[in-house]
Amino acid sequence: MITKIITWSIDRKYWVLGLALAIIGWGAVSLYQSPLDAIPDLSDTQVIVKASFAGQPPSVVENQVTYPLTTAFL
């Protein structure tokens, strides 16, 4: 079966070339006619830092652990 397809393609190489060019042209036209709807995300990157500091209140953890880490990540 594949041998027949290859033989047919070799015998009719101009038809195959024309068909390939037609498909490429159709693809190029489709590429330029398709609408592009891309909106970039301009928001800041969000990072979640989970830290534990045994025996300390959340404000101390925020000031001494979490805040320095988040500023270092930025």
PDB file of N, CA and C in Angstrom:
ATOM      1  N   MET A   1       0.816  -1.191   0.000  1.00  0.00           N
ATOM      2  CA  MET A   1       0.000   0.000   0.000  1.00  0.00           C
ATOM      3  C   MET A   1       0.864   1.261   0.000  1.00  0.00           C
ATOM      4  N   ILE A   2       1.857   1.284   0.873  1.00  0.00           N
ATOM      5  CA  ILE A   2       2.736   2.455   0.937  1.00  0.00           C
ATOM      6  C   ILE A   2       3.578   2.549  -0.329  1.00  0.00           C
ATOM      7  N   THR A   3       3.959   1.410  -0.848  1.00  0.00           N
ATOM      8  CA  THR A   3       4.740   1.405  -2.092  1.00  0.00           C
ATOM      9  C   THR A   3       3.932   2.025  -3.225  1.00  0.00           C
ATOM     10  N   LYS A   4       2.640   1.721  -3.289  1.00  0.00           N
ATOM     11  CA  LYS A   4       1.790   2.299  -4.327  1.00  0.00           C
ATOM     12  C   LYS A   4       1.662   3.814  -4.163  1.00  0.00           C
ATOM     13  N   ILE A   5       1.530   4.277  -2.920  1.00  0.00           N
ATOM     14  CA  ILE A   5       1.425   5.713  -2.672  1.00  0.00           C
ATOM     15  C   ILE A   5       2.720   6.418  -3.067  1.00  0.00           C
ATOM     16  N   ILE A   6       3.847   5.836  -2.713  1.00  0.00           N
ATOM     17  CA  ILE A   6       5.140   6.435  -3.069  1.00  0.00           C
ATOM     18  C   ILE A   6       5.321   6.440  -4.583  1.00  0.00           C
ATOM     19  N   THR A   7       4.987   5.344  -5.243  1.00  0.00           N
ATOM     20  CA  THR A   7       5.111   5.278  -6.701  1.00  0.00           C
ATOM     21  C   THR A   7       4.195   6.298  -7.367  1.00  0.00           C
ATOM     22  N   TRP A   8       2.945   6.407  -6.883  1.00  0.00           N
ATOM     23  CA  TRP A   8       2.005   7.377  -7.442  1.00  0.00           C
ATOM     24  C   TRP A   8       2.528   8.801  -7.235  1.00  0.00           C
ATOM     25  N   SER A   9       3.103   9.083  -6.058  1.00  0.00           N
ATOM     26  CA  SER A   9       3.622  10.415  -5.765  1.00  0.00           C
ATOM     27  C   SER A   9       4.822  10.751  -6.641  1.00  0.00           C
ATOM     28  N   ILE A  10       5.677   9.777  -6.889  1.00  0.00           N
ATOM     29  CA  ILE A  10       6.839  10.018  -7.744  1.00  0.00           C
ATOM     30  C   ILE A  10       6.398  10.248  -9.188  1.00  0.00           C
ATOM     31  N   ASP A  11       5.414   9.486  -9.647  1.00  0.00           N
ATOM     32  CA  ASP A  11       4.928   9.638 -11.023  1.00  0.00           C
ATOM     33  C   ASP A  11       4.219  10.978 -11.221  1.00  0.00           C
ATOM     34  N   ARG A  12       3.616  11.486 -10.195  1.00  0.00           N
ATOM     35  CA  ARG A  12       2.860  12.738 -10.296  1.00  0.00           C
ATOM     36  C   ARG A  12       3.457  13.780  -9.350  1.00  0.00           C
ATOM     37  N   LYS A  13       4.760  13.997  -9.450  1.00  0.00           N
ATOM     38  CA  LYS A  13       5.450  14.873  -8.501  1.00  0.00           C
ATOM     39  C   LYS A  13       4.976  16.318  -8.578  1.00  0.00           C
ATOM     40  N   TYR A  14       4.555  16.799  -9.742  1.00  0.00           N
ATOM     41  CA  TYR A  14       4.075  18.176  -9.851  1.00  0.00           C
ATOM     42  C   TYR A  14       2.704  18.344  -9.191  1.00  0.00           C
ATOM     43  N   TRP A  15       1.877  17.306  -9.246  1.00  0.00           N
ATOM     44  CA  TRP A  15       0.595  17.352  -8.556  1.00  0.00           C
ATOM     45  C   TRP A  15       0.817  17.379  -7.044  1.00  0.00           C
ATOM     46  N   VAL A  16       1.737  16.569  -6.578  1.00  0.00           N
ATOM     47  CA  VAL A  16       2.040  16.517  -5.140  1.00  0.00           C
ATOM     48  C   VAL A  16       2.628  17.852  -4.679  1.00  0.00           C
ATOM     49  N   LEU A  17       3.529  18.422  -5.471  1.00  0.00           N
ATOM     50  CA  LEU A  17       4.121  19.713  -5.134  1.00  0.00           C
ATOM     51  C   LEU A  17       3.049  20.810  -5.110  1.00  0.00           C
ATOM     52  N   GLY A  18       2.172  20.797  -6.108  1.00  0.00           N
ATOM     53  CA  GLY A  18       1.091  21.785  -6.149  1.00  0.00           C
ATOM     54  C   GLY A  18       0.146  21.646  -4.962  1.00  0.00           C
ATOM     55  N   LEU A  19      -0.178  20.413  -4.606  1.00  0.00           N
ATOM     56  CA  LEU A  19      -1.038  20.187  -3.455  1.00  0.00           C
ATOM     57  C   LEU A  19      -0.365  20.656  -2.160  1.00  0.00           C
ATOM     58  N   ALA A  20       0.917  20.387  -2.024  1.00  0.00           N
ATOM     59  CA  ALA A  20       1.651  20.827  -0.828  1.00  0.00           C
ATOM     60  C   ALA A  20       1.680  22.351  -0.748  1.00  0.00           C
ATOM     61  N   LEU A  21       1.917  23.022  -1.880  1.00  0.00           N
ATOM     62  CA  LEU A  21       1.931  24.490  -1.888  1.00  0.00           C
ATOM     63  C   LEU A  21       0.542  25.059  -1.589  1.00  0.00           C
ATOM     64  N   ALA A  22      -0.494  24.400  -2.086  1.00  0.00           N
ATOM     65  CA  ALA A  22      -1.859  24.850  -1.799  1.00  0.00           C
ATOM     66  C   ALA A  22      -2.166  24.723  -0.309  1.00  0.00           C
ATOM     67  N   ILE A  23      -1.748  23.642   0.298  1.00  0.00           N
ATOM     68  CA  ILE A  23      -1.982  23.457   1.741  1.00  0.00           C
ATOM     69  C   ILE A  23      -1.190  24.485   2.545  1.00  0.00           C
ATOM     70  N   ILE A  24       0.037  24.765   2.134  1.00  0.00           N
ATOM     71  CA  ILE A  24       0.849  25.774   2.826  1.00  0.00           C
ATOM     72  C   ILE A  24       0.207  27.152   2.684  1.00  0.00           C
ATOM     73  N   GLY A  25      -0.273  27.469   1.486  1.00  0.00           N
ATOM     74  CA  GLY A  25      -0.947  28.754   1.270  1.00  0.00           C
ATOM     75  C   GLY A  25      -2.208  28.879   2.094  1.00  0.00           C
ATOM     76  N   TRP A  26      -2.985  27.818   2.143  1.00  0.00           N
ATOM     77  CA  TRP A  26      -4.209  27.809   2.948  1.00  0.00           C
ATOM     78  C   TRP A  26      -3.877  28.027   4.428  1.00  0.00           C
ATOM     79  N   GLY A  27      -2.823  27.379   4.894  1.00  0.00           N
ATOM     80  CA  GLY A  27      -2.400  27.561   6.286  1.00  0.00           C
ATOM     81  C   GLY A  27      -1.941  28.982   6.569  1.00  0.00           C
ATOM     82  N   ALA A  28      -1.215  29.593   5.617  1.00  0.00           N
ATOM     83  CA  ALA A  28      -0.750  30.968   5.807  1.00  0.00           C
ATOM     84  C   ALA A  28      -1.924  31.940   5.851  1.00  0.00           C
ATOM     85  N   VAL A  29      -2.898  31.756   4.968  1.00  0.00           N
ATOM     86  CA  VAL A  29      -4.084  32.615   4.979  1.00  0.00           C
ATOM     87  C   VAL A  29      -4.852  32.430   6.279  1.00  0.00           C
ATOM     88  N   SER A  30      -5.005  31.209   6.730  1.00  0.00           N
ATOM     89  CA  SER A  30      -5.712  30.943   7.981  1.00  0.00           C
ATOM     90  C   SER A  30      -4.984  31.557   9.173  1.00  0.00           C
ATOM     91  N   LEU A  31      -3.657  31.530   9.122  1.00  0.00           N
ATOM     92  CA  LEU A  31      -2.864  32.104  10.206  1.00  0.00           C
ATOM     93  C   LEU A  31      -3.090  33.603  10.319  1.00  0.00           C
ATOM     94  N   TYR A  32      -3.112  34.295   9.204  1.00  0.00           N
ATOM     95  CA  TYR A  32      -3.271  35.745   9.243  1.00  0.00           C
ATOM     96  C   TYR A  32      -4.719  36.177   9.455  1.00  0.00           C
ATOM     97  N   GLN A  33      -5.676  35.323   9.196  1.00  0.00           N
ATOM     98  CA  GLN A  33      -7.075  35.681   9.393  1.00  0.00           C
ATOM     99  C   GLN A  33      -7.607  35.316  10.769  1.00  0.00           C
ATOM    100  N   SER A  34      -6.898  34.494  11.504  1.00  0.00           N
ATOM    101  CA  SER A  34      -7.393  34.096  12.833  1.00  0.00           C
ATOM    102  C   SER A  34      -7.160  35.234  13.817  1.00  0.00           C
ATOM    103  N   PRO A  35      -8.184  35.581  14.593  1.00  0.00           N
ATOM    104  CA  PRO A  35      -8.037  36.681  15.541  1.00  0.00           C
ATOM    105  C   PRO A  35      -7.150  36.279  16.725  1.00  0.00           C
ATOM    106  N   LEU A  36      -6.419  37.241  17.226  1.00  0.00           N
ATOM    107  CA  LEU A  36      -5.535  37.005  18.359  1.00  0.00           C
ATOM    108  C   LEU A  36      -6.073  37.793  19.549  1.00  0.00           C
ATOM    109  N   ASP A  37      -6.383  37.104  20.602  1.00  0.00           N
ATOM    110  CA  ASP A  37      -6.933  37.738  21.778  1.00  0.00           C
ATOM    111  C   ASP A  37      -6.071  37.352  22.977  1.00  0.00           C
ATOM    112  N   ALA A  38      -5.001  38.101  23.164  1.00  0.00           N
ATOM    113  CA  ALA A  38      -4.085  37.805  24.267  1.00  0.00           C
ATOM    114  C   ALA A  38      -3.893  39.069  25.092  1.00  0.00           C
ATOM    115  N   ILE A  39      -4.224  38.989  26.354  1.00  0.00           N
ATOM    116  CA  ILE A  39      -4.060  40.117  27.257  1.00  0.00           C
ATOM    117  C   ILE A  39      -3.037  39.709  28.311  1.00  0.00           C
ATOM    118  N   PRO A  40      -1.932  40.438  28.403  1.00  0.00           N
ATOM    119  CA  PRO A  40      -0.917  40.054  29.386  1.00  0.00           C
ATOM    120  C   PRO A  40      -1.388  40.312  30.813  1.00  0.00           C
ATOM    121  N   ASP A  41      -0.905  39.516  31.729  1.00  0.00           N
ATOM    122  CA  ASP A  41      -1.224  39.671  33.143  1.00  0.00           C
ATOM    123  C   ASP A  41      -0.212  40.646  33.747  1.00  0.00           C
ATOM    124  N   LEU A  42      -0.674  41.838  34.083  1.00  0.00           N
ATOM    125  CA  LEU A  42       0.209  42.879  34.595  1.00  0.00           C
ATOM    126  C   LEU A  42       0.208  42.965  36.118  1.00  0.00           C
ATOM    127  N   SER A  43      -0.495  42.074  36.783  1.00  0.00           N
ATOM    128  CA  SER A  43      -0.545  42.123  38.242  1.00  0.00           C
ATOM    129  C   SER A  43       0.758  41.614  38.847  1.00  0.00           C
ATOM    130  N   ASP A  44       0.986  41.999  40.082  1.00  0.00           N
ATOM    131  CA  ASP A  44       2.193  41.554  40.781  1.00  0.00           C
ATOM    132  C   ASP A  44       2.134  40.050  41.028  1.00  0.00           C
ATOM    133  N   THR A  45       3.279  39.449  41.045  1.00  0.00           N
ATOM    134  CA  THR A  45       3.370  38.026  41.351  1.00  0.00           C
ATOM    135  C   THR A  45       3.089  37.820  42.836  1.00  0.00           C
ATOM    136  N   GLN A  46       2.223  36.856  43.123  1.00  0.00           N
ATOM    137  CA  GLN A  46       1.874  36.596  44.514  1.00  0.00           C
ATOM    138  C   GLN A  46       2.611  35.363  45.006  1.00  0.00           C
ATOM    139  N   VAL A  47       3.164  35.494  46.205  1.00  0.00           N
ATOM    140  CA  VAL A  47       3.898  34.402  46.821  1.00  0.00           C
ATOM    141  C   VAL A  47       3.288  34.137  48.192  1.00  0.00           C
ATOM    142  N   ILE A  48       3.040  32.885  48.481  1.00  0.00           N
ATOM    143  CA  ILE A  48       2.524  32.510  49.795  1.00  0.00           C
ATOM    144  C   ILE A  48       3.674  31.890  50.584  1.00  0.00           C
ATOM    145  N   VAL A  49       3.986  32.503  51.704  1.00  0.00           N
ATOM    146  CA  VAL A  49       5.061  32.005  52.562  1.00  0.00           C
ATOM    147  C   VAL A  49       4.419  31.497  53.844  1.00  0.00           C
ATOM    148  N   LYS A  50       4.619  30.218  54.126  1.00  0.00           N
ATOM    149  CA  LYS A  50       4.101  29.618  55.357  1.00  0.00           C
ATOM    150  C   LYS A  50       5.290  29.342  56.265  1.00  0.00           C
ATOM    151  N   ALA A  51       5.313  30.036  57.387  1.00  0.00           N
ATOM    152  CA  ALA A  51       6.440  29.895  58.308  1.00  0.00           C
ATOM    153  C   ALA A  51       5.907  29.684  59.723  1.00  0.00           C
ATOM    154  N   SER A  52       6.616  28.883  60.457  1.00  0.00           N
ATOM    155  CA  SER A  52       6.244  28.682  61.857  1.00  0.00           C
ATOM    156  C   SER A  52       7.428  29.085  62.744  1.00  0.00           C
ATOM    157  N   PHE A  53       7.116  29.783  63.806  1.00  0.00           N
ATOM    158  CA  PHE A  53       8.122  30.245  64.759  1.00  0.00           C
ATOM    159  C   PHE A  53       7.532  29.936  66.131  1.00  0.00           C
ATOM    160  N   ALA A  54       7.911  28.817  66.707  1.00  0.00           N
ATOM    161  CA  ALA A  54       7.266  28.283  67.916  1.00  0.00           C
ATOM    162  C   ALA A  54       7.270  29.287  69.065  1.00  0.00           C
ATOM    163  N   GLY A  55       6.097  29.480  69.646  1.00  0.00           N
ATOM    164  CA  GLY A  55       5.980  30.318  70.823  1.00  0.00           C
ATOM    165  C   GLY A  55       5.936  31.801  70.538  1.00  0.00           C
ATOM    166  N   GLN A  56       5.865  32.224  69.297  1.00  0.00           N
ATOM    167  CA  GLN A  56       5.854  33.646  68.967  1.00  0.00           C
ATOM    168  C   GLN A  56       4.495  34.047  68.389  1.00  0.00           C
ATOM    169  N   PRO A  57       4.061  35.265  68.669  1.00  0.00           N
ATOM    170  CA  PRO A  57       2.788  35.728  68.112  1.00  0.00           C
ATOM    171  C   PRO A  57       2.919  35.985  66.601  1.00  0.00           C
ATOM    172  N   PRO A  58       1.807  36.019  65.887  1.00  0.00           N
ATOM    173  CA  PRO A  58       1.839  36.206  64.434  1.00  0.00           C
ATOM    174  C   PRO A  58       2.530  37.493  63.990  1.00  0.00           C
ATOM    175  N   SER A  59       2.451  38.548  64.777  1.00  0.00           N
ATOM    176  CA  SER A  59       3.100  39.802  64.375  1.00  0.00           C
ATOM    177  C   SER A  59       4.623  39.657  64.357  1.00  0.00           C
ATOM    178  N   VAL A  60       5.175  38.923  65.312  1.00  0.00           N
ATOM    179  CA  VAL A  60       6.628  38.698  65.341  1.00  0.00           C
ATOM    180  C   VAL A  60       7.050  37.820  64.164  1.00  0.00           C
ATOM    181  N   VAL A  61       6.262  36.791  63.872  1.00  0.00           N
ATOM    182  CA  VAL A  61       6.568  35.922  62.723  1.00  0.00           C
ATOM    183  C   VAL A  61       6.532  36.736  61.441  1.00  0.00           C
ATOM    184  N   GLU A  62       5.543  37.620  61.322  1.00  0.00           N
ATOM    185  CA  GLU A  62       5.433  38.462  60.139  1.00  0.00           C
ATOM    186  C   GLU A  62       6.646  39.378  59.997  1.00  0.00           C
ATOM    187  N   ASN A  63       7.043  40.027  61.081  1.00  0.00           N
ATOM    188  CA  ASN A  63       8.132  41.006  61.029  1.00  0.00           C
ATOM    189  C   ASN A  63       9.511  40.371  60.898  1.00  0.00           C
ATOM    190  N   GLN A  64       9.733  39.230  61.525  1.00  0.00           N
ATOM    191  CA  GLN A  64      11.081  38.665  61.567  1.00  0.00           C
ATOM    192  C   GLN A  64      11.314  37.542  60.557  1.00  0.00           C
ATOM    193  N   VAL A  65      10.260  36.894  60.080  1.00  0.00           N
ATOM    194  CA  VAL A  65      10.445  35.752  59.179  1.00  0.00           C
ATOM    195  C   VAL A  65       9.825  36.018  57.808  1.00  0.00           C
ATOM    196  N   THR A  66       8.528  36.242  57.803  1.00  0.00           N
ATOM    197  CA  THR A  66       7.799  36.301  56.544  1.00  0.00           C
ATOM    198  C   THR A  66       8.168  37.520  55.707  1.00  0.00           C
ATOM    199  N   TYR A  67       8.194  38.699  56.311  1.00  0.00           N
ATOM    200  CA  TYR A  67       8.499  39.911  55.547  1.00  0.00           C
ATOM    201  C   TYR A  67       9.896  39.880  54.923  1.00  0.00           C
ATOM    202  N   PRO A  68      10.959  39.513  55.648  1.00  0.00           N
ATOM    203  CA  PRO A  68      12.275  39.440  54.994  1.00  0.00           C
ATOM    204  C   PRO A  68      12.320  38.423  53.842  1.00  0.00           C
ATOM    205  N   LEU A  69      11.596  37.308  53.995  1.00  0.00           N
ATOM    206  CA  LEU A  69      11.568  36.318  52.908  1.00  0.00           C
ATOM    207  C   LEU A  69      10.868  36.870  51.670  1.00  0.00           C
ATOM    208  N   THR A  70       9.723  37.504  51.855  1.00  0.00           N
ATOM    209  CA  THR A  70       8.984  38.019  50.694  1.00  0.00           C
ATOM    210  C   THR A  70       9.744  39.135  49.997  1.00  0.00           C
ATOM    211  N   THR A  71      10.417  40.000  50.743  1.00  0.00           N
ATOM    212  CA  THR A  71      11.214  41.051  50.101  1.00  0.00           C
ATOM    213  C   THR A  71      12.415  40.461  49.371  1.00  0.00           C
ATOM    214  N   ALA A  72      12.973  39.389  49.884  1.00  0.00           N
ATOM    215  CA  ALA A  72      14.090  38.732  49.188  1.00  0.00           C
ATOM    216  C   ALA A  72      13.620  38.075  47.896  1.00  0.00           C
ATOM    217  N   PHE A  73      12.400  37.520  47.904  1.00  0.00           N
ATOM    218  CA  PHE A  73      11.855  36.905  46.691  1.00  0.00           C
ATOM    219  C   PHE A  73      11.582  37.925  45.603  1.00  0.00           C
ATOM    220  N   LEU A  74      11.188  39.141  45.977  1.00  0.00           N
ATOM    221  CA  LEU A  74      10.878  40.170  44.984  1.00  0.00           C
ATOM    222  C   LEU A  74      12.145  40.635  44.309  1.00  0.00           C
TER     223      LEU A  74
END
